[in-house]
Amino acid sequence: MKAAPHSSRQAAPPPASDSGTVHRVLRILGCFAEKDRWGLNELARALNLPRASTHRLLNLCRPLNFVDQDEDGSYRPGLELYRLAGRLSMDMPITRIAGPILEEVRDRTDETTILTLLVRSELKMFFALTASPSHPMRYTIRTNVLEPLNWGATGRVLLAYLTPEEIEETIQRASPSPLDKRPLDEAELRQSLEEIRVAGYAVTHAQRTPNAVGLAVPFFDARGEVRGNVALTVPEFRFEPGKQEELLALLRHAAADLTRKMGWA
């Protein structure tokens, strides 16, 4: 698969400030996608809102069962929010398209196969779907949780195809490793991104998952914009360097299939 050129898209501007009730309620509901328990003070700080305003907005959500409150006073997602999230995730077109593709890669490799999606407005990503192997030694992948782009094959293969402005912003955030909290090496990251653009794939060792090799190939949407990737996570003791090209060929085929089905020839 030939490496796609740099996107011509300009860096996404930050969302405009909006103090409206609907905007604030949606921000509150978005917080529950990141963590399922919030204290009132903690949530107010995360939203940069007054405590009283946050309490009032939470009370607007409770009658419709979008938010519930535990006996200790902490807030959690309500049943209606779970129902809505579950229904939407089941109907998400990319996951419907990608499911059989991931399963085919999993069946041919017997390793954990992952669909990663880019959230460009946040300069982050999330694991949307996984296919687990038959091995007893396999990985549990947290899905639907936003993750930084500067670590691991899954993040870097997306970051490499963003605009220079977006790359600079991601580097300035300097997120530490999600594995061991080691600081970001800016020079190493820049070199890695250049190599990914030339090769069209990413391979990393123990950046997100202990003792694991990550391999990822990007796929693109109908406008030629990077949208996500198909990836494999392989325990180091099972990884055979001589078979790396074989694994990458499977991922390239899967990513090309997704790209075609999303409308980009």
C-alpha atoms as a PDB file:
ATOM      1  CA  MET A   1       0.000   0.000   0.000  1.00  0.00           C
ATOM      2  CA  LYS A   2       1.584   3.254  -1.061  1.00  0.00           C
ATOM      3  CA  ALA A   3       2.024   5.879   1.644  1.00  0.00           C
ATOM      4  CA  ALA A   4      -0.616   8.583   1.279  1.00  0.00           C
ATOM      5  CA  PRO A   5       0.615  12.186   0.932  1.00  0.00           C
ATOM      6  CA  HIS A   6       0.278  14.653   3.756  1.00  0.00           C
ATOM      7  CA  SER A   7      -3.288  15.823   4.186  1.00  0.00           C
ATOM      8  CA  SER A   8      -3.974  19.337   2.932  1.00  0.00           C
ATOM      9  CA  ARG A   9      -6.572  19.823   5.601  1.00  0.00           C
ATOM     10  CA  GLN A  10      -5.891  22.689   7.984  1.00  0.00           C
ATOM     11  CA  ALA A  11      -5.607  22.004  11.695  1.00  0.00           C
ATOM     12  CA  ALA A  12      -9.038  21.886  13.290  1.00  0.00           C
ATOM     13  CA  PRO A  13      -9.727  25.084  15.264  1.00  0.00           C
ATOM     14  CA  PRO A  14     -10.673  24.747  18.914  1.00  0.00           C
ATOM     15  CA  PRO A  15     -14.422  24.705  19.524  1.00  0.00           C
ATOM     16  CA  ALA A  16     -15.960  28.102  20.011  1.00  0.00           C
ATOM     17  CA  SER A  17     -16.778  29.085  23.566  1.00  0.00           C
ATOM     18  CA  ASP A  18     -20.384  28.372  24.331  1.00  0.00           C
ATOM     19  CA  SER A  19     -22.046  28.954  27.674  1.00  0.00           C
ATOM     20  CA  GLY A  20     -25.430  27.578  26.606  1.00  0.00           C
ATOM     21  CA  THR A  21     -27.149  24.907  28.684  1.00  0.00           C
ATOM     22  CA  VAL A  22     -27.281  22.339  25.865  1.00  0.00           C
ATOM     23  CA  HIS A  23     -23.565  22.750  25.162  1.00  0.00           C
ATOM     24  CA  ARG A  24     -22.705  22.301  28.841  1.00  0.00           C
ATOM     25  CA  VAL A  25     -24.963  19.265  29.251  1.00  0.00           C
ATOM     26  CA  LEU A  26     -23.343  17.588  26.250  1.00  0.00           C
ATOM     27  CA  ARG A  27     -19.909  18.280  27.737  1.00  0.00           C
ATOM     28  CA  ILE A  28     -21.017  16.629  30.987  1.00  0.00           C
ATOM     29  CA  LEU A  29     -22.280  13.549  29.156  1.00  0.00           C
ATOM     30  CA  GLY A  30     -19.009  13.429  27.243  1.00  0.00           C
ATOM     31  CA  CYS A  31     -17.095  13.222  30.532  1.00  0.00           C
ATOM     32  CA  PHE A  32     -18.795   9.912  31.314  1.00  0.00           C
ATOM     33  CA  ALA A  33     -17.195   8.442  28.186  1.00  0.00           C
ATOM     34  CA  GLU A  34     -13.818   9.054  29.836  1.00  0.00           C
ATOM     35  CA  LYS A  35     -14.626   7.912  33.359  1.00  0.00           C
ATOM     36  CA  ASP A  36     -17.745   6.310  34.841  1.00  0.00           C
ATOM     37  CA  ARG A  37     -17.576   7.901  38.325  1.00  0.00           C
ATOM     38  CA  TRP A  38     -17.271  11.619  39.054  1.00  0.00           C
ATOM     39  CA  GLY A  39     -17.455  13.612  42.251  1.00  0.00           C
ATOM     40  CA  LEU A  40     -19.188  16.958  41.898  1.00  0.00           C
ATOM     41  CA  ASN A  41     -16.087  19.036  42.632  1.00  0.00           C
ATOM     42  CA  GLU A  42     -13.915  16.921  40.343  1.00  0.00           C
ATOM     43  CA  LEU A  43     -16.391  17.213  37.479  1.00  0.00           C
ATOM     44  CA  ALA A  44     -16.737  20.977  37.948  1.00  0.00           C
ATOM     45  CA  ARG A  45     -12.948  21.345  37.751  1.00  0.00           C
ATOM     46  CA  ALA A  46     -12.745  19.157  34.638  1.00  0.00           C
ATOM     47  CA  LEU A  47     -15.391  21.287  32.925  1.00  0.00           C
ATOM     48  CA  ASN A  48     -14.037  24.578  34.291  1.00  0.00           C
ATOM     49  CA  LEU A  49     -17.525  25.400  35.543  1.00  0.00           C
ATOM     50  CA  PRO A  50     -18.759  26.659  38.914  1.00  0.00           C
ATOM     51  CA  ARG A  51     -19.779  23.907  41.312  1.00  0.00           C
ATOM     52  CA  ALA A  52     -23.335  25.235  41.547  1.00  0.00           C
ATOM     53  CA  SER A  53     -23.725  25.310  37.750  1.00  0.00           C
ATOM     54  CA  THR A  54     -22.415  21.768  37.425  1.00  0.00           C
ATOM     55  CA  HIS A  55     -24.833  20.563  40.113  1.00  0.00           C
ATOM     56  CA  ARG A  56     -27.750  22.252  38.349  1.00  0.00           C
ATOM     57  CA  LEU A  57     -26.842  20.689  34.999  1.00  0.00           C
ATOM     58  CA  LEU A  58     -26.510  17.221  36.528  1.00  0.00           C
ATOM     59  CA  ASN A  59     -29.957  17.608  38.033  1.00  0.00           C
ATOM     60  CA  LEU A  60     -31.310  18.394  34.552  1.00  0.00           C
ATOM     61  CA  CYS A  61     -29.938  15.043  33.314  1.00  0.00           C
ATOM     62  CA  ARG A  62     -31.192  12.890  36.182  1.00  0.00           C
ATOM     63  CA  PRO A  63     -34.984  12.869  35.497  1.00  0.00           C
ATOM     64  CA  LEU A  64     -34.356  11.442  32.004  1.00  0.00           C
ATOM     65  CA  ASN A  65     -31.979   8.794  33.428  1.00  0.00           C
ATOM     66  CA  PHE A  66     -28.940  10.074  31.557  1.00  0.00           C
ATOM     67  CA  VAL A  67     -27.131  10.554  34.886  1.00  0.00           C
ATOM     68  CA  ASP A  68     -27.533   8.730  38.189  1.00  0.00           C
ATOM     69  CA  GLN A  69     -26.113   9.369  41.668  1.00  0.00           C
ATOM     70  CA  ASP A  70     -24.600   6.848  44.068  1.00  0.00           C
ATOM     71  CA  GLU A  71     -25.212   6.803  47.803  1.00  0.00           C
ATOM     72  CA  ASP A  72     -21.794   8.362  48.384  1.00  0.00           C
ATOM     73  CA  GLY A  73     -22.793  11.345  46.239  1.00  0.00           C
ATOM     74  CA  SER A  74     -20.708  10.508  43.164  1.00  0.00           C
ATOM     75  CA  TYR A  75     -22.314  10.651  39.728  1.00  0.00           C
ATOM     76  CA  ARG A  76     -22.359   7.879  37.136  1.00  0.00           C
ATOM     77  CA  PRO A  77     -23.981   7.237  33.730  1.00  0.00           C
ATOM     78  CA  GLY A  78     -27.697   6.527  33.873  1.00  0.00           C
ATOM     79  CA  LEU A  79     -29.479   3.642  32.189  1.00  0.00           C
ATOM     80  CA  GLU A  80     -30.691   5.779  29.297  1.00  0.00           C
ATOM     81  CA  LEU A  81     -27.152   6.900  28.481  1.00  0.00           C
ATOM     82  CA  TYR A  82     -25.996   3.271  28.439  1.00  0.00           C
ATOM     83  CA  ARG A  83     -28.951   2.299  26.236  1.00  0.00           C
ATOM     84  CA  LEU A  84     -28.249   5.091  23.767  1.00  0.00           C
ATOM     85  CA  ALA A  85     -24.497   4.418  23.679  1.00  0.00           C
ATOM     86  CA  GLY A  86     -25.043   0.707  23.172  1.00  0.00           C
ATOM     87  CA  ARG A  87     -27.541   1.241  20.384  1.00  0.00           C
ATOM     88  CA  LEU A  88     -25.298   3.705  18.548  1.00  0.00           C
ATOM     89  CA  SER A  89     -22.194   1.560  18.901  1.00  0.00           C
ATOM     90  CA  MET A  90     -24.050  -1.420  17.458  1.00  0.00           C
ATOM     91  CA  ASP A  91     -25.208   0.683  14.507  1.00  0.00           C
ATOM     92  CA  MET A  92     -21.890   2.451  13.895  1.00  0.00           C
ATOM     93  CA  PRO A  93     -21.257   1.848  10.177  1.00  0.00           C
ATOM     94  CA  ILE A  94     -17.456   1.511  10.404  1.00  0.00           C
ATOM     95  CA  THR A  95     -17.659  -1.200  13.034  1.00  0.00           C
ATOM     96  CA  ARG A  96     -20.234  -3.085  10.972  1.00  0.00           C
ATOM     97  CA  ILE A  97     -17.982  -2.917   7.936  1.00  0.00           C
ATOM     98  CA  ALA A  98     -14.816  -3.669   9.889  1.00  0.00           C
ATOM     99  CA  GLY A  99     -16.065  -6.607  11.954  1.00  0.00           C
ATOM    100  CA  PRO A 100     -15.642  -9.323   9.301  1.00  0.00           C
ATOM    101  CA  ILE A 101     -12.351  -7.766   8.149  1.00  0.00           C
ATOM    102  CA  LEU A 102     -10.887  -7.899  11.658  1.00  0.00           C
ATOM    103  CA  GLU A 103     -12.079 -11.462  12.134  1.00  0.00           C
ATOM    104  CA  GLU A 104     -10.368 -12.564   8.925  1.00  0.00           C
ATOM    105  CA  VAL A 105      -7.040 -11.064  10.059  1.00  0.00           C
ATOM    106  CA  ARG A 106      -7.487 -12.642  13.484  1.00  0.00           C
ATOM    107  CA  ASP A 107      -8.249 -16.045  11.952  1.00  0.00           C
ATOM    108  CA  ARG A 108      -5.160 -15.908   9.733  1.00  0.00           C
ATOM    109  CA  THR A 109      -2.795 -14.749  12.495  1.00  0.00           C
ATOM    110  CA  ASP A 110      -4.409 -16.013  15.721  1.00  0.00           C
ATOM    111  CA  GLU A 111      -3.435 -12.708  17.339  1.00  0.00           C
ATOM    112  CA  THR A 112      -5.381  -9.776  18.808  1.00  0.00           C
ATOM    113  CA  THR A 113      -6.676  -7.603  15.964  1.00  0.00           C
ATOM    114  CA  ILE A 114      -7.845  -4.024  16.575  1.00  0.00           C
ATOM    115  CA  LEU A 115      -9.843  -1.342  14.773  1.00  0.00           C
ATOM    116  CA  THR A 116      -8.646   2.114  15.855  1.00  0.00           C
ATOM    117  CA  LEU A 117     -10.555   5.303  15.006  1.00  0.00           C
ATOM    118  CA  LEU A 118      -9.202   8.850  14.950  1.00  0.00           C
ATOM    119  CA  VAL A 119     -10.983  11.664  16.820  1.00  0.00           C
ATOM    120  CA  ARG A 120      -9.382  14.489  14.890  1.00  0.00           C
ATOM    121  CA  SER A 121     -11.069  17.326  16.765  1.00  0.00           C
ATOM    122  CA  GLU A 122      -9.429  16.084  19.983  1.00  0.00           C
ATOM    123  CA  LEU A 123      -6.173  14.902  18.373  1.00  0.00           C
ATOM    124  CA  LYS A 124      -6.781  11.553  20.037  1.00  0.00           C
ATOM    125  CA  MET A 125      -7.937   8.059  19.099  1.00  0.00           C
ATOM    126  CA  PHE A 126      -9.902   5.177  20.544  1.00  0.00           C
ATOM    127  CA  PHE A 127     -10.032   1.430  20.055  1.00  0.00           C
ATOM    128  CA  ALA A 128     -13.452   0.796  18.544  1.00  0.00           C
ATOM    129  CA  LEU A 129     -13.460  -2.951  17.966  1.00  0.00           C
ATOM    130  CA  THR A 130     -11.290  -5.978  18.681  1.00  0.00           C
ATOM    131  CA  ALA A 131     -11.108  -9.608  17.581  1.00  0.00           C
ATOM    132  CA  SER A 132      -9.486 -11.912  20.150  1.00  0.00           C
ATOM    133  CA  PRO A 133      -7.422 -15.002  19.323  1.00  0.00           C
ATOM    134  CA  SER A 134      -7.740 -18.487  20.734  1.00  0.00           C
ATOM    135  CA  HIS A 135      -4.460 -18.236  22.657  1.00  0.00           C
ATOM    136  CA  PRO A 136      -4.777 -18.154  26.451  1.00  0.00           C
ATOM    137  CA  MET A 137      -2.087 -15.436  26.371  1.00  0.00           C
ATOM    138  CA  ARG A 138      -3.938 -12.526  24.805  1.00  0.00           C
ATOM    139  CA  TYR A 139      -4.624  -8.884  25.516  1.00  0.00           C
ATOM    140  CA  THR A 140      -7.664  -7.151  26.941  1.00  0.00           C
ATOM    141  CA  ILE A 141      -8.087  -3.932  24.974  1.00  0.00           C
ATOM    142  CA  ARG A 142     -10.012  -1.031  26.516  1.00  0.00           C
ATOM    143  CA  THR A 143     -12.481   0.194  23.907  1.00  0.00           C
ATOM    144  CA  ASN A 144     -14.103   3.625  23.503  1.00  0.00           C
ATOM    145  CA  VAL A 145     -11.573   5.455  25.711  1.00  0.00           C
ATOM    146  CA  LEU A 146      -9.669   8.389  24.205  1.00  0.00           C
ATOM    147  CA  GLU A 147      -5.917   7.811  24.002  1.00  0.00           C
ATOM    148  CA  PRO A 148      -2.980  10.048  22.914  1.00  0.00           C
ATOM    149  CA  LEU A 149      -1.528   9.771  19.425  1.00  0.00           C
ATOM    150  CA  ASN A 150       2.173   9.970  20.241  1.00  0.00           C
ATOM    151  CA  TRP A 151       2.649   6.430  21.587  1.00  0.00           C
ATOM    152  CA  GLY A 152       2.308   3.022  19.993  1.00  0.00           C
ATOM    153  CA  ALA A 153       1.869   1.930  16.397  1.00  0.00           C
ATOM    154  CA  THR A 154      -1.868   2.636  16.510  1.00  0.00           C
ATOM    155  CA  GLY A 155      -1.369   6.271  17.526  1.00  0.00           C
ATOM    156  CA  ARG A 156       1.680   7.125  15.484  1.00  0.00           C
ATOM    157  CA  VAL A 157       0.378   5.708  12.213  1.00  0.00           C
ATOM    158  CA  LEU A 158      -2.513   8.210  12.530  1.00  0.00           C
ATOM    159  CA  LEU A 159      -0.406  11.149  13.701  1.00  0.00           C
ATOM    160  CA  ALA A 160       1.952  10.722  10.737  1.00  0.00           C
ATOM    161  CA  TYR A 161      -0.849  11.638   8.310  1.00  0.00           C
ATOM    162  CA  LEU A 162      -2.106  14.748  10.092  1.00  0.00           C
ATOM    163  CA  THR A 163      -1.107  18.294   9.198  1.00  0.00           C
ATOM    164  CA  PRO A 164       2.173  19.783  10.477  1.00  0.00           C
ATOM    165  CA  GLU A 165       0.131  22.044  12.759  1.00  0.00           C
ATOM    166  CA  GLU A 166      -1.710  19.107  14.285  1.00  0.00           C
ATOM    167  CA  ILE A 167       1.530  17.205  14.740  1.00  0.00           C
ATOM    168  CA  GLU A 168       3.114  20.188  16.508  1.00  0.00           C
ATOM    169  CA  GLU A 169       0.132  20.546  18.825  1.00  0.00           C
ATOM    170  CA  THR A 170       0.264  16.845  19.706  1.00  0.00           C
ATOM    171  CA  ILE A 171       3.995  17.084  20.419  1.00  0.00           C
ATOM    172  CA  GLN A 172       3.483  20.150  22.614  1.00  0.00           C
ATOM    173  CA  ARG A 173       1.022  18.195  24.739  1.00  0.00           C
ATOM    174  CA  ALA A 174       3.927  15.787  25.450  1.00  0.00           C
ATOM    175  CA  SER A 175       1.706  13.034  26.832  1.00  0.00           C
ATOM    176  CA  PRO A 176       3.791  10.491  28.796  1.00  0.00           C
ATOM    177  CA  SER A 177       3.766   6.818  27.884  1.00  0.00           C
ATOM    178  CA  PRO A 178       0.482   5.131  28.926  1.00  0.00           C
ATOM    179  CA  LEU A 179       2.570   2.057  29.755  1.00  0.00           C
ATOM    180  CA  ASP A 180       5.240   3.354  32.149  1.00  0.00           C
ATOM    181  CA  LYS A 181       4.826   7.172  32.151  1.00  0.00           C
ATOM    182  CA  ARG A 182       8.246   7.740  30.551  1.00  0.00           C
ATOM    183  CA  PRO A 183       8.504  11.198  28.953  1.00  0.00           C
ATOM    184  CA  LEU A 184       8.104  11.752  25.255  1.00  0.00           C
ATOM    185  CA  ASP A 185      11.321  11.873  23.220  1.00  0.00           C
ATOM    186  CA  GLU A 186      10.470  14.542  20.625  1.00  0.00           C
ATOM    187  CA  ALA A 187      13.354  13.746  18.280  1.00  0.00           C
ATOM    188  CA  GLU A 188      12.557  10.035  18.331  1.00  0.00           C
ATOM    189  CA  LEU A 189       8.877  10.728  17.620  1.00  0.00           C
ATOM    190  CA  ARG A 190       9.630  13.006  14.671  1.00  0.00           C
ATOM    191  CA  GLN A 191      11.973  10.424  13.158  1.00  0.00           C
ATOM    192  CA  SER A 192       9.351   7.726  13.701  1.00  0.00           C
ATOM    193  CA  LEU A 193       6.669   9.768  11.916  1.00  0.00           C
ATOM    194  CA  GLU A 194       8.944  10.367   8.936  1.00  0.00           C
ATOM    195  CA  GLU A 195       9.650   6.642   8.647  1.00  0.00           C
ATOM    196  CA  ILE A 196       5.928   5.833   8.882  1.00  0.00           C
ATOM    197  CA  ARG A 197       5.082   8.248   6.052  1.00  0.00           C
ATOM    198  CA  VAL A 198       7.682   6.594   3.833  1.00  0.00           C
ATOM    199  CA  ALA A 199       6.734   3.009   4.737  1.00  0.00           C
ATOM    200  CA  GLY A 200       2.962   3.394   5.081  1.00  0.00           C
ATOM    201  CA  TYR A 201       2.823   1.435   8.362  1.00  0.00           C
ATOM    202  CA  ALA A 202       4.053   1.549  11.966  1.00  0.00           C
ATOM    203  CA  VAL A 203       5.756  -1.060  14.142  1.00  0.00           C
ATOM    204  CA  THR A 204       6.529  -0.377  17.808  1.00  0.00           C
ATOM    205  CA  HIS A 205       7.762  -2.417  20.763  1.00  0.00           C
ATOM    206  CA  ALA A 206       6.273  -2.128  24.277  1.00  0.00           C
ATOM    207  CA  GLN A 207       5.043   1.457  23.969  1.00  0.00           C
ATOM    208  CA  ARG A 208       1.428   0.884  25.008  1.00  0.00           C
ATOM    209  CA  THR A 209       1.348  -2.736  26.099  1.00  0.00           C
ATOM    210  CA  PRO A 210       4.058  -4.520  28.112  1.00  0.00           C
ATOM    211  CA  ASN A 211       6.145  -7.082  26.235  1.00  0.00           C
ATOM    212  CA  ALA A 212       4.167  -6.623  23.037  1.00  0.00           C
ATOM    213  CA  VAL A 213       4.816  -5.671  19.429  1.00  0.00           C
ATOM    214  CA  GLY A 214       2.281  -3.392  17.747  1.00  0.00           C
ATOM    215  CA  LEU A 215       1.777  -3.259  13.977  1.00  0.00           C
ATOM    216  CA  ALA A 216      -0.682  -0.853  12.353  1.00  0.00           C
ATOM    217  CA  VAL A 217      -1.688   0.218   8.839  1.00  0.00           C
ATOM    218  CA  PRO A 218      -3.937   3.271   8.261  1.00  0.00           C
ATOM    219  CA  PHE A 219      -7.127   3.466   6.260  1.00  0.00           C
ATOM    220  CA  PHE A 220      -8.672   6.556   4.674  1.00  0.00           C
ATOM    221  CA  ASP A 221     -12.128   7.963   4.025  1.00  0.00           C
ATOM    222  CA  ALA A 222     -13.781   9.116   0.799  1.00  0.00           C
ATOM    223  CA  ARG A 223     -11.846  12.420   0.891  1.00  0.00           C
ATOM    224  CA  GLY A 224      -8.494  10.716   1.332  1.00  0.00           C
ATOM    225  CA  GLU A 225      -8.265  11.770   4.992  1.00  0.00           C
ATOM    226  CA  VAL A 226      -6.838   9.297   7.492  1.00  0.00           C
ATOM    227  CA  ARG A 227      -9.704   7.866   9.508  1.00  0.00           C
ATOM    228  CA  GLY A 228      -8.234   5.029  11.531  1.00  0.00           C
ATOM    229  CA  ASN A 229      -6.122   1.901  11.329  1.00  0.00           C
ATOM    230  CA  VAL A 230      -6.164  -1.870  11.480  1.00  0.00           C
ATOM    231  CA  ALA A 231      -3.619  -3.227  13.956  1.00  0.00           C
ATOM    232  CA  LEU A 232      -2.178  -6.361  15.519  1.00  0.00           C
ATOM    233  CA  THR A 233      -0.832  -6.720  19.052  1.00  0.00           C
ATOM    234  CA  VAL A 234       1.546  -9.677  19.363  1.00  0.00           C
ATOM    235  CA  PRO A 235       3.349 -10.870  22.525  1.00  0.00           C
ATOM    236  CA  GLU A 236       7.101 -10.481  22.046  1.00  0.00           C
ATOM    237  CA  PHE A 237       7.737 -14.157  22.803  1.00  0.00           C
ATOM    238  CA  ARG A 238       5.430 -15.125  19.889  1.00  0.00           C
ATOM    239  CA  PHE A 239       6.630 -12.444  17.477  1.00  0.00           C
ATOM    240  CA  GLU A 240       8.868 -13.724  14.679  1.00  0.00           C
ATOM    241  CA  PRO A 241      10.691 -10.865  12.869  1.00  0.00           C
ATOM    242  CA  GLY A 242      10.929 -13.009   9.753  1.00  0.00           C
ATOM    243  CA  LYS A 243       7.120 -13.016   9.520  1.00  0.00           C
ATOM    244  CA  GLN A 244       6.693  -9.253   9.950  1.00  0.00           C
ATOM    245  CA  GLU A 245       6.158  -8.654   6.224  1.00  0.00           C
ATOM    246  CA  GLU A 246       3.553 -11.408   6.105  1.00  0.00           C
ATOM    247  CA  LEU A 247       1.638  -9.784   8.978  1.00  0.00           C
ATOM    248  CA  LEU A 248       1.917  -6.347   7.398  1.00  0.00           C
ATOM    249  CA  ALA A 249       0.612  -7.710   4.093  1.00  0.00           C
ATOM    250  CA  LEU A 250      -2.525  -8.935   5.860  1.00  0.00           C
ATOM    251  CA  LEU A 251      -2.984  -5.545   7.539  1.00  0.00           C
ATOM    252  CA  ARG A 252      -2.415  -3.687   4.259  1.00  0.00           C
ATOM    253  CA  HIS A 253      -5.065  -5.813   2.566  1.00  0.00           C
ATOM    254  CA  ALA A 254      -7.516  -5.206   5.429  1.00  0.00           C
ATOM    255  CA  ALA A 255      -6.861  -1.442   5.469  1.00  0.00           C
ATOM    256  CA  ALA A 256      -7.204  -1.214   1.691  1.00  0.00           C
ATOM    257  CA  ASP A 257     -10.503  -3.108   1.901  1.00  0.00           C
ATOM    258  CA  LEU A 258     -11.811  -0.656   4.529  1.00  0.00           C
ATOM    259  CA  THR A 259     -10.581   2.304   2.492  1.00  0.00           C
ATOM    260  CA  ARG A 260     -12.418   1.059  -0.610  1.00  0.00           C
ATOM    261  CA  LYS A 261     -15.602   0.431   1.328  1.00  0.00           C
ATOM    262  CA  MET A 262     -15.446   3.973   2.686  1.00  0.00           C
ATOM    263  CA  GLY A 263     -15.400   5.309  -0.844  1.00  0.00           C
ATOM    264  CA  TRP A 264     -11.787   6.277  -1.535  1.00  0.00           C
ATOM    265  CA  ALA A 265     -10.268   4.522  -4.564  1.00  0.00           C
END
